Amino acid sequence: MSADIRIHTDARLLAHTDALRSVYVDAFCAPPWNEDEGRATEFADRLPTSVGRPGFTAATAVRDGETIGFATAWTTPDPFPTNSSYPQVTAGLGPAYTADWLCGALEVDELAVRTAARGTGVARDLLEAVTADAPDGRAWLLTWAQNPRALAFYRRQGWTQVTHPAPDGEGVVVFLGPRHPARPLAPLPL
């Protein structure tokens, strides 16, 4: 049975905060992510700020009245941020590519699907829905190198890996969306 994908572009998404937090816990507080529930609370607490960001869009997947997945995205500001994992992105791409390829593009912030709904196409549908209106097809995301399932999923969806983890497999990996015009310029892995 397929899920109903719903698009949200404003603060009305906040009415679903508890459901999104529950999905976050299910998706990220178990292997391979192993986050603690405090991270889910942080996600829920920052959601009101997120919905106010320029270009904010979210997609939720609902099946039988239950939220089983979500994705959030917004426009990456210029200049490129320097908090959180952003310095690793700049280190991996270099300042020029970071500015040219990512600033002003749609940044996928979160993609979460309940464990029971994995392998059903819900993650693919959410990713497509949240990036459908990316400016000039320019969408990007980062994920952790330590999750080979996530890396394989994004590759299967036509996303192009443009940074490569350190030899120890640590750090973040940046992907450009299937319609991003810089995809042909991506450096090949060693």
N, C-alpha and C. Protein backbone atom coordinates (compact mmCIF):
# COMPACT_ATOMS: atom_id res chain seq x y z
N MET A 1 0.83 -1.17 0.00
CA MET A 1 0.00 0.00 0.00
C MET A 1 0.88 1.24 0.00
N SER A 2 0.60 2.18 -0.87
CA SER A 2 1.43 3.37 -0.98
C SER A 2 1.04 4.40 0.08
N ALA A 3 1.92 5.35 0.28
CA ALA A 3 1.69 6.42 1.25
C ALA A 3 1.21 7.66 0.54
N ASP A 4 0.47 8.47 1.24
CA ASP A 4 0.02 9.77 0.75
C ASP A 4 1.13 10.77 1.06
N ILE A 5 1.73 11.37 0.04
CA ILE A 5 2.80 12.34 0.21
C ILE A 5 2.18 13.74 0.22
N ARG A 6 2.46 14.47 1.28
CA ARG A 6 1.89 15.81 1.45
C ARG A 6 3.03 16.83 1.54
N ILE A 7 2.87 17.95 0.84
CA ILE A 7 3.88 19.01 0.82
C ILE A 7 3.48 20.10 1.82
N HIS A 8 4.46 20.62 2.54
CA HIS A 8 4.25 21.69 3.52
C HIS A 8 5.30 22.77 3.26
N THR A 9 4.87 24.03 3.25
CA THR A 9 5.83 25.11 2.98
C THR A 9 5.79 26.20 4.04
N ASP A 10 5.06 25.96 5.12
CA ASP A 10 4.97 27.01 6.13
C ASP A 10 4.76 26.42 7.52
N ALA A 11 4.46 27.28 8.47
CA ALA A 11 4.37 26.89 9.88
C ALA A 11 3.22 25.92 10.18
N ARG A 12 2.33 25.68 9.25
CA ARG A 12 1.28 24.69 9.52
C ARG A 12 1.87 23.30 9.74
N LEU A 13 3.10 23.07 9.26
CA LEU A 13 3.78 21.80 9.53
C LEU A 13 3.95 21.56 11.03
N LEU A 14 4.06 22.63 11.80
CA LEU A 14 4.32 22.51 13.23
C LEU A 14 3.22 21.74 13.96
N ALA A 15 2.03 21.68 13.40
CA ALA A 15 0.95 20.89 14.00
C ALA A 15 1.30 19.41 14.03
N HIS A 16 2.30 19.01 13.24
CA HIS A 16 2.71 17.61 13.13
C HIS A 16 4.03 17.33 13.85
N THR A 17 4.48 18.25 14.68
CA THR A 17 5.79 18.13 15.32
C THR A 17 5.94 16.82 16.09
N ASP A 18 4.95 16.43 16.87
CA ASP A 18 5.06 15.20 17.66
C ASP A 18 5.20 13.98 16.76
N ALA A 19 4.46 13.95 15.67
CA ALA A 19 4.55 12.82 14.73
C ALA A 19 5.92 12.79 14.07
N LEU A 20 6.44 13.95 13.69
CA LEU A 20 7.77 14.00 13.06
C LEU A 20 8.85 13.57 14.05
N ARG A 21 8.73 14.00 15.29
CA ARG A 21 9.70 13.59 16.31
C ARG A 21 9.65 12.08 16.49
N SER A 22 8.48 11.51 16.48
CA SER A 22 8.34 10.05 16.63
C SER A 22 9.02 9.32 15.48
N VAL A 23 8.84 9.82 14.26
CA VAL A 23 9.50 9.21 13.10
C VAL A 23 11.01 9.36 13.24
N TYR A 24 11.46 10.53 13.69
CA TYR A 24 12.89 10.78 13.87
C TYR A 24 13.48 9.75 14.83
N VAL A 25 12.81 9.52 15.96
CA VAL A 25 13.29 8.54 16.94
C VAL A 25 13.39 7.16 16.30
N ASP A 26 12.35 6.76 15.59
CA ASP A 26 12.33 5.43 14.96
C ASP A 26 13.45 5.29 13.92
N ALA A 27 13.67 6.36 13.16
CA ALA A 27 14.65 6.29 12.07
C ALA A 27 16.10 6.43 12.54
N PHE A 28 16.35 7.29 13.52
CA PHE A 28 17.73 7.66 13.84
C PHE A 28 18.24 7.20 15.20
N CYS A 29 17.38 6.71 16.08
CA CYS A 29 17.84 6.31 17.41
C CYS A 29 18.12 4.81 17.49
N ALA A 30 18.29 4.20 16.35
CA ALA A 30 18.63 2.78 16.24
C ALA A 30 19.80 2.68 15.26
N PRO A 31 20.42 1.51 15.16
CA PRO A 31 21.52 1.36 14.20
C PRO A 31 21.04 1.66 12.78
N PRO A 32 21.85 2.23 11.92
CA PRO A 32 23.28 2.52 12.13
C PRO A 32 23.54 3.89 12.74
N TRP A 33 22.51 4.73 12.89
CA TRP A 33 22.73 6.09 13.37
C TRP A 33 23.00 6.14 14.87
N ASN A 34 22.24 5.40 15.66
CA ASN A 34 22.43 5.31 17.10
C ASN A 34 22.41 6.65 17.84
N GLU A 35 21.57 7.57 17.38
CA GLU A 35 21.44 8.84 18.09
C GLU A 35 20.62 8.63 19.35
N ASP A 36 20.81 9.51 20.34
CA ASP A 36 19.95 9.42 21.51
C ASP A 36 18.71 10.27 21.28
N GLU A 37 17.70 10.08 22.12
CA GLU A 37 16.43 10.79 21.91
C GLU A 37 16.58 12.29 22.08
N GLY A 38 17.65 12.72 22.72
CA GLY A 38 17.90 14.15 22.82
C GLY A 38 18.05 14.80 21.46
N ARG A 39 18.61 14.09 20.50
CA ARG A 39 18.75 14.63 19.13
C ARG A 39 17.38 14.80 18.49
N ALA A 40 16.45 13.89 18.79
CA ALA A 40 15.08 14.03 18.27
C ALA A 40 14.41 15.26 18.87
N THR A 41 14.66 15.50 20.14
CA THR A 41 14.11 16.69 20.79
C THR A 41 14.72 17.95 20.19
N GLU A 42 16.02 17.92 19.91
CA GLU A 42 16.67 19.06 19.25
C GLU A 42 16.04 19.33 17.89
N PHE A 43 15.79 18.24 17.12
CA PHE A 43 15.14 18.40 15.82
C PHE A 43 13.79 19.08 16.00
N ALA A 44 12.97 18.59 16.93
CA ALA A 44 11.64 19.16 17.15
C ALA A 44 11.73 20.62 17.62
N ASP A 45 12.72 20.92 18.46
CA ASP A 45 12.89 22.28 18.97
C ASP A 45 13.32 23.26 17.88
N ARG A 46 14.09 22.79 16.90
CA ARG A 46 14.55 23.71 15.84
C ARG A 46 13.55 23.80 14.68
N LEU A 47 12.52 22.98 14.69
CA LEU A 47 11.55 22.98 13.59
C LEU A 47 10.88 24.35 13.39
N PRO A 48 10.48 25.07 14.45
CA PRO A 48 9.89 26.40 14.22
C PRO A 48 10.84 27.35 13.48
N THR A 49 12.14 27.28 13.75
CA THR A 49 13.11 28.10 13.03
C THR A 49 13.25 27.62 11.59
N SER A 50 13.26 26.31 11.42
CA SER A 50 13.42 25.73 10.08
C SER A 50 12.31 26.17 9.14
N VAL A 51 11.06 26.16 9.60
CA VAL A 51 9.95 26.52 8.70
C VAL A 51 10.02 27.98 8.27
N GLY A 52 10.76 28.81 9.00
CA GLY A 52 10.92 30.21 8.62
C GLY A 52 12.07 30.47 7.68
N ARG A 53 12.86 29.47 7.35
CA ARG A 53 14.00 29.66 6.45
C ARG A 53 13.51 29.91 5.02
N PRO A 54 14.27 30.72 4.27
CA PRO A 54 13.93 30.92 2.87
C PRO A 54 13.91 29.59 2.11
N GLY A 55 12.90 29.41 1.29
CA GLY A 55 12.79 28.22 0.46
C GLY A 55 12.36 26.97 1.20
N PHE A 56 11.94 27.10 2.48
CA PHE A 56 11.58 25.91 3.25
C PHE A 56 10.49 25.11 2.56
N THR A 57 10.70 23.82 2.52
CA THR A 57 9.68 22.88 2.07
C THR A 57 9.86 21.58 2.84
N ALA A 58 8.75 20.92 3.06
CA ALA A 58 8.78 19.62 3.72
C ALA A 58 7.80 18.71 3.00
N ALA A 59 8.05 17.44 3.11
CA ALA A 59 7.12 16.43 2.60
C ALA A 59 6.91 15.42 3.72
N THR A 60 5.66 15.04 3.91
CA THR A 60 5.36 14.00 4.88
C THR A 60 4.70 12.84 4.15
N ALA A 61 4.94 11.65 4.65
CA ALA A 61 4.32 10.44 4.10
C ALA A 61 3.36 9.91 5.16
N VAL A 62 2.10 9.75 4.77
CA VAL A 62 1.07 9.30 5.70
C VAL A 62 0.42 8.05 5.13
N ARG A 63 0.32 7.04 5.98
CA ARG A 63 -0.36 5.80 5.59
C ARG A 63 -1.31 5.41 6.72
N ASP A 64 -2.55 5.20 6.38
CA ASP A 64 -3.57 4.82 7.37
C ASP A 64 -3.60 5.79 8.54
N GLY A 65 -3.46 7.07 8.26
CA GLY A 65 -3.53 8.10 9.28
C GLY A 65 -2.28 8.29 10.11
N GLU A 66 -1.23 7.51 9.86
CA GLU A 66 0.01 7.60 10.62
C GLU A 66 1.12 8.18 9.75
N THR A 67 1.87 9.12 10.31
CA THR A 67 3.04 9.66 9.61
C THR A 67 4.14 8.61 9.67
N ILE A 68 4.60 8.19 8.49
CA ILE A 68 5.61 7.14 8.43
C ILE A 68 6.95 7.65 7.88
N GLY A 69 6.99 8.91 7.49
CA GLY A 69 8.24 9.47 7.00
C GLY A 69 8.11 10.95 6.73
N PHE A 70 9.25 11.61 6.61
CA PHE A 70 9.26 13.03 6.28
C PHE A 70 10.60 13.41 5.68
N ALA A 71 10.60 14.54 4.99
CA ALA A 71 11.82 15.16 4.48
C ALA A 71 11.66 16.66 4.65
N THR A 72 12.77 17.34 4.96
CA THR A 72 12.76 18.80 5.06
C THR A 72 13.91 19.35 4.24
N ALA A 73 13.71 20.56 3.73
CA ALA A 73 14.73 21.20 2.89
C ALA A 73 14.53 22.71 2.92
N TRP A 74 15.57 23.44 2.55
CA TRP A 74 15.51 24.89 2.43
C TRP A 74 16.62 25.36 1.52
N THR A 75 16.60 26.63 1.20
CA THR A 75 17.63 27.21 0.34
C THR A 75 18.89 27.49 1.17
N THR A 76 20.02 27.02 0.69
CA THR A 76 21.29 27.25 1.37
C THR A 76 21.66 28.72 1.23
N PRO A 77 21.97 29.39 2.35
CA PRO A 77 22.29 30.82 2.27
C PRO A 77 23.66 31.08 1.65
N ASP A 78 23.82 32.33 1.25
CA ASP A 78 25.10 32.83 0.75
C ASP A 78 25.43 34.05 1.61
N PRO A 79 26.51 34.06 2.35
CA PRO A 79 27.61 33.12 2.32
C PRO A 79 27.25 31.79 2.98
N PHE A 80 28.03 30.79 2.61
CA PHE A 80 27.81 29.43 3.11
C PHE A 80 28.00 29.41 4.62
N PRO A 81 27.13 28.71 5.34
CA PRO A 81 27.24 28.67 6.80
C PRO A 81 28.57 28.07 7.28
N THR A 82 28.91 28.42 8.49
CA THR A 82 30.16 27.93 9.08
C THR A 82 29.93 27.15 10.37
N ASN A 83 28.68 26.83 10.68
CA ASN A 83 28.38 26.06 11.88
C ASN A 83 28.10 24.60 11.52
N SER A 84 27.89 23.79 12.52
CA SER A 84 27.49 22.39 12.37
C SER A 84 28.50 21.63 11.50
N SER A 85 28.01 20.91 10.49
CA SER A 85 28.87 20.12 9.61
C SER A 85 29.34 20.89 8.38
N TYR A 86 28.93 22.14 8.25
CA TYR A 86 29.28 22.91 7.06
C TYR A 86 30.78 23.07 6.83
N PRO A 87 31.60 23.25 7.85
CA PRO A 87 33.04 23.34 7.58
C PRO A 87 33.60 22.07 6.91
N GLN A 88 33.06 20.90 7.26
CA GLN A 88 33.51 19.67 6.60
C GLN A 88 33.13 19.68 5.12
N VAL A 89 31.97 20.24 4.80
CA VAL A 89 31.53 20.35 3.40
C VAL A 89 32.51 21.24 2.64
N THR A 90 32.81 22.41 3.19
CA THR A 90 33.73 23.33 2.53
C THR A 90 35.11 22.71 2.38
N ALA A 91 35.57 21.99 3.41
CA ALA A 91 36.88 21.33 3.33
C ALA A 91 36.89 20.27 2.22
N GLY A 92 35.78 19.57 2.05
CA GLY A 92 35.72 18.51 1.05
C GLY A 92 35.58 19.02 -0.37
N LEU A 93 34.82 20.09 -0.55
CA LEU A 93 34.58 20.63 -1.90
C LEU A 93 35.53 21.77 -2.26
N GLY A 94 36.02 22.46 -1.28
CA GLY A 94 36.77 23.69 -1.52
C GLY A 94 35.81 24.87 -1.54
N PRO A 95 36.30 26.05 -1.18
CA PRO A 95 35.43 27.21 -1.08
C PRO A 95 34.73 27.61 -2.38
N ALA A 96 35.42 27.51 -3.50
CA ALA A 96 34.83 27.95 -4.78
C ALA A 96 33.67 27.05 -5.18
N TYR A 97 33.87 25.73 -5.18
CA TYR A 97 32.78 24.82 -5.54
C TYR A 97 31.64 24.90 -4.53
N THR A 98 31.98 25.06 -3.26
CA THR A 98 30.94 25.17 -2.24
C THR A 98 30.03 26.36 -2.56
N ALA A 99 30.63 27.50 -2.83
CA ALA A 99 29.84 28.70 -3.15
C ALA A 99 29.06 28.53 -4.45
N ASP A 100 29.73 28.04 -5.49
CA ASP A 100 29.08 27.93 -6.80
C ASP A 100 28.00 26.86 -6.84
N TRP A 101 28.25 25.72 -6.23
CA TRP A 101 27.34 24.58 -6.37
C TRP A 101 26.25 24.54 -5.31
N LEU A 102 26.54 25.06 -4.10
CA LEU A 102 25.61 24.85 -2.99
C LEU A 102 24.84 26.10 -2.56
N CYS A 103 25.48 27.27 -2.56
CA CYS A 103 24.77 28.48 -2.15
C CYS A 103 23.63 28.77 -3.13
N GLY A 104 22.45 29.02 -2.61
CA GLY A 104 21.27 29.26 -3.44
C GLY A 104 20.58 28.00 -3.92
N ALA A 105 21.17 26.84 -3.62
CA ALA A 105 20.57 25.56 -4.00
C ALA A 105 19.65 25.07 -2.88
N LEU A 106 18.81 24.12 -3.19
CA LEU A 106 17.94 23.52 -2.19
C LEU A 106 18.72 22.46 -1.43
N GLU A 107 18.80 22.62 -0.13
CA GLU A 107 19.55 21.71 0.74
C GLU A 107 18.58 20.78 1.46
N VAL A 108 18.68 19.50 1.23
CA VAL A 108 17.87 18.54 1.95
C VAL A 108 18.48 18.38 3.34
N ASP A 109 17.71 18.73 4.35
CA ASP A 109 18.22 18.69 5.72
C ASP A 109 17.98 17.34 6.37
N GLU A 110 16.79 16.82 6.30
CA GLU A 110 16.44 15.55 6.93
C GLU A 110 15.62 14.70 5.98
N LEU A 111 15.85 13.40 6.04
CA LEU A 111 15.02 12.41 5.36
C LEU A 111 14.92 11.24 6.31
N ALA A 112 13.72 10.98 6.81
CA ALA A 112 13.53 9.95 7.82
C ALA A 112 12.30 9.11 7.48
N VAL A 113 12.45 7.80 7.60
CA VAL A 113 11.35 6.87 7.34
C VAL A 113 11.33 5.84 8.47
N ARG A 114 10.14 5.54 8.95
CA ARG A 114 10.00 4.53 10.00
C ARG A 114 10.61 3.21 9.52
N THR A 115 11.17 2.47 10.44
CA THR A 115 11.81 1.20 10.13
C THR A 115 10.88 0.28 9.36
N ALA A 116 9.62 0.19 9.78
CA ALA A 116 8.66 -0.71 9.16
C ALA A 116 8.31 -0.31 7.72
N ALA A 117 8.58 0.93 7.35
CA ALA A 117 8.24 1.40 6.00
C ALA A 117 9.44 1.42 5.05
N ARG A 118 10.60 1.01 5.51
CA ARG A 118 11.78 1.00 4.65
C ARG A 118 11.63 -0.05 3.56
N GLY A 119 12.19 0.27 2.41
CA GLY A 119 12.13 -0.66 1.29
C GLY A 119 10.82 -0.62 0.53
N THR A 120 9.96 0.34 0.84
CA THR A 120 8.64 0.43 0.19
C THR A 120 8.56 1.57 -0.82
N GLY A 121 9.64 2.33 -0.99
CA GLY A 121 9.62 3.46 -1.92
C GLY A 121 9.24 4.78 -1.27
N VAL A 122 8.95 4.77 0.02
CA VAL A 122 8.55 5.99 0.71
C VAL A 122 9.69 7.00 0.72
N ALA A 123 10.91 6.58 1.04
CA ALA A 123 12.05 7.50 1.06
C ALA A 123 12.27 8.12 -0.32
N ARG A 124 12.19 7.32 -1.35
CA ARG A 124 12.34 7.84 -2.72
C ARG A 124 11.27 8.89 -3.01
N ASP A 125 10.02 8.58 -2.67
CA ASP A 125 8.92 9.51 -2.94
C ASP A 125 9.09 10.81 -2.16
N LEU A 126 9.52 10.72 -0.90
CA LEU A 126 9.75 11.92 -0.11
C LEU A 126 10.87 12.77 -0.69
N LEU A 127 11.96 12.12 -1.08
CA LEU A 127 13.10 12.84 -1.65
C LEU A 127 12.70 13.54 -2.94
N GLU A 128 11.98 12.85 -3.79
CA GLU A 128 11.52 13.46 -5.05
C GLU A 128 10.57 14.63 -4.78
N ALA A 129 9.66 14.46 -3.83
CA ALA A 129 8.69 15.50 -3.54
C ALA A 129 9.34 16.76 -2.98
N VAL A 130 10.27 16.59 -2.06
CA VAL A 130 10.87 17.74 -1.42
C VAL A 130 11.85 18.47 -2.35
N THR A 131 12.36 17.82 -3.38
CA THR A 131 13.31 18.46 -4.30
C THR A 131 12.70 18.81 -5.65
N ALA A 132 11.44 18.55 -5.85
CA ALA A 132 10.81 18.77 -7.16
C ALA A 132 10.95 20.20 -7.66
N ASP A 133 10.90 21.17 -6.76
CA ASP A 133 10.97 22.57 -7.17
C ASP A 133 12.32 23.21 -6.88
N ALA A 134 13.37 22.41 -6.81
CA ALA A 134 14.71 22.96 -6.57
C ALA A 134 15.04 23.95 -7.68
N PRO A 135 15.58 25.12 -7.31
CA PRO A 135 15.87 26.14 -8.33
C PRO A 135 16.88 25.63 -9.37
N ASP A 136 16.45 25.64 -10.62
CA ASP A 136 17.28 25.16 -11.72
C ASP A 136 17.77 23.74 -11.51
N GLY A 137 17.01 22.95 -10.74
CA GLY A 137 17.38 21.56 -10.47
C GLY A 137 18.49 21.42 -9.44
N ARG A 138 18.91 22.53 -8.83
CA ARG A 138 20.05 22.54 -7.91
C ARG A 138 19.61 22.08 -6.51
N ALA A 139 19.78 20.80 -6.24
CA ALA A 139 19.51 20.23 -4.92
C ALA A 139 20.76 19.50 -4.44
N TRP A 140 20.97 19.51 -3.13
CA TRP A 140 22.13 18.82 -2.57
C TRP A 140 21.79 18.35 -1.16
N LEU A 141 22.62 17.45 -0.66
CA LEU A 141 22.47 16.97 0.71
C LEU A 141 23.80 16.45 1.20
N LEU A 142 23.88 16.28 2.51
CA LEU A 142 25.05 15.61 3.06
C LEU A 142 24.56 14.48 3.96
N THR A 143 25.36 13.46 4.04
CA THR A 143 25.08 12.35 4.92
C THR A 143 26.41 11.88 5.49
N TRP A 144 26.33 10.97 6.46
CA TRP A 144 27.55 10.48 7.11
C TRP A 144 28.12 9.31 6.34
N ALA A 145 29.40 9.31 6.19
CA ALA A 145 30.09 8.25 5.44
C ALA A 145 29.94 6.88 6.09
N GLN A 146 29.63 6.84 7.37
CA GLN A 146 29.56 5.57 8.09
C GLN A 146 28.29 4.78 7.83
N ASN A 147 27.41 5.27 6.96
CA ASN A 147 26.17 4.56 6.67
C ASN A 147 26.13 4.14 5.20
N PRO A 148 26.67 2.97 4.89
CA PRO A 148 26.71 2.55 3.48
C PRO A 148 25.32 2.38 2.86
N ARG A 149 24.30 2.04 3.66
CA ARG A 149 22.94 1.92 3.12
C ARG A 149 22.44 3.27 2.60
N ALA A 150 22.70 4.34 3.36
CA ALA A 150 22.28 5.67 2.92
C ALA A 150 23.03 6.07 1.65
N LEU A 151 24.33 5.83 1.63
CA LEU A 151 25.13 6.18 0.44
C LEU A 151 24.59 5.44 -0.78
N ALA A 152 24.31 4.15 -0.64
CA ALA A 152 23.79 3.35 -1.76
C ALA A 152 22.41 3.84 -2.18
N PHE A 153 21.58 4.20 -1.21
CA PHE A 153 20.24 4.70 -1.54
C PHE A 153 20.32 5.94 -2.41
N TYR A 154 21.12 6.93 -2.01
CA TYR A 154 21.21 8.16 -2.80
C TYR A 154 21.77 7.90 -4.19
N ARG A 155 22.73 7.02 -4.30
CA ARG A 155 23.25 6.67 -5.63
C ARG A 155 22.16 6.05 -6.50
N ARG A 156 21.37 5.16 -5.92
CA ARG A 156 20.27 4.52 -6.69
C ARG A 156 19.24 5.54 -7.16
N GLN A 157 19.10 6.62 -6.44
CA GLN A 157 18.13 7.65 -6.81
C GLN A 157 18.71 8.63 -7.84
N GLY A 158 19.94 8.39 -8.28
CA GLY A 158 20.55 9.23 -9.30
C GLY A 158 21.33 10.41 -8.75
N TRP A 159 21.57 10.44 -7.45
CA TRP A 159 22.36 11.50 -6.85
C TRP A 159 23.84 11.19 -7.06
N THR A 160 24.64 12.25 -7.21
CA THR A 160 26.06 12.10 -7.49
C THR A 160 26.88 12.52 -6.28
N GLN A 161 27.73 11.62 -5.85
CA GLN A 161 28.61 11.90 -4.72
C GLN A 161 29.73 12.80 -5.21
N VAL A 162 29.92 13.96 -4.52
CA VAL A 162 30.93 14.92 -4.95
C VAL A 162 32.05 15.13 -3.94
N THR A 163 31.93 14.54 -2.77
CA THR A 163 33.04 14.52 -1.83
C THR A 163 33.25 13.07 -1.42
N HIS A 164 34.43 12.80 -0.96
CA HIS A 164 34.77 11.43 -0.60
C HIS A 164 35.35 11.43 0.80
N PRO A 165 34.97 10.46 1.60
CA PRO A 165 35.42 10.44 2.99
C PRO A 165 36.92 10.22 3.12
N ALA A 166 37.39 10.55 4.29
CA ALA A 166 38.79 10.29 4.61
C ALA A 166 39.06 8.79 4.51
N PRO A 167 40.33 8.40 4.38
CA PRO A 167 40.65 6.97 4.27
C PRO A 167 40.07 6.11 5.39
N ASP A 168 39.86 6.70 6.57
CA ASP A 168 39.28 5.92 7.66
C ASP A 168 37.76 5.82 7.56
N GLY A 169 37.17 6.40 6.51
CA GLY A 169 35.73 6.30 6.30
C GLY A 169 34.91 7.23 7.17
N GLU A 170 35.55 8.18 7.81
CA GLU A 170 34.86 9.11 8.71
C GLU A 170 34.42 10.35 7.95
N GLY A 171 33.49 11.09 8.54
CA GLY A 171 33.10 12.38 8.03
C GLY A 171 31.82 12.38 7.21
N VAL A 172 31.60 13.50 6.54
CA VAL A 172 30.39 13.68 5.76
C VAL A 172 30.67 13.45 4.28
N VAL A 173 29.61 13.14 3.57
CA VAL A 173 29.66 12.96 2.13
C VAL A 173 28.59 13.86 1.53
N VAL A 174 28.94 14.62 0.50
CA VAL A 174 28.00 15.53 -0.16
C VAL A 174 27.56 14.90 -1.47
N PHE A 175 26.24 14.98 -1.72
CA PHE A 175 25.64 14.51 -2.96
C PHE A 175 24.94 15.67 -3.65
N LEU A 176 25.02 15.70 -4.98
CA LEU A 176 24.25 16.63 -5.80
C LEU A 176 23.08 15.87 -6.40
N GLY A 177 21.93 16.54 -6.46
CA GLY A 177 20.72 15.92 -6.99
C GLY A 177 20.82 15.58 -8.46
N PRO A 178 19.91 14.72 -8.93
CA PRO A 178 19.97 14.23 -10.31
C PRO A 178 19.86 15.31 -11.39
N ARG A 179 19.30 16.47 -11.06
CA ARG A 179 19.15 17.55 -12.05
C ARG A 179 20.11 18.71 -11.80
N HIS A 180 21.02 18.55 -10.84
CA HIS A 180 21.97 19.63 -10.53
C HIS A 180 22.92 19.79 -11.70
N PRO A 181 23.07 21.02 -12.23
CA PRO A 181 23.91 21.22 -13.42
C PRO A 181 25.40 20.96 -13.19
N ALA A 182 25.87 20.92 -11.96
CA ALA A 182 27.29 20.68 -11.69
C ALA A 182 27.66 19.21 -11.63
N ARG A 183 26.70 18.33 -11.75
CA ARG A 183 27.00 16.88 -11.64
C ARG A 183 28.14 16.42 -12.56
N PRO A 184 28.20 16.86 -13.80
CA PRO A 184 29.30 16.39 -14.67
C PRO A 184 30.68 16.88 -14.21
N LEU A 185 30.73 17.87 -13.36
CA LEU A 185 32.01 18.42 -12.89
C LEU A 185 32.50 17.73 -11.63
N ALA A 186 31.74 16.80 -11.11
CA ALA A 186 32.07 16.15 -9.83
C ALA A 186 33.37 15.38 -9.95
N PRO A 187 34.22 15.49 -8.95
CA PRO A 187 35.48 14.73 -8.96
C PRO A 187 35.19 13.24 -8.77
N LEU A 188 35.89 12.42 -9.48
CA LEU A 188 35.72 10.97 -9.35
C LEU A 188 36.44 10.48 -8.11
N PRO A 189 35.91 9.42 -7.49
CA PRO A 189 36.60 8.89 -6.31
C PRO A 189 37.96 8.32 -6.70
N LEU A 190 38.85 8.30 -5.72
CA LEU A 190 40.18 7.76 -5.97
C LEU A 190 40.13 6.25 -6.12
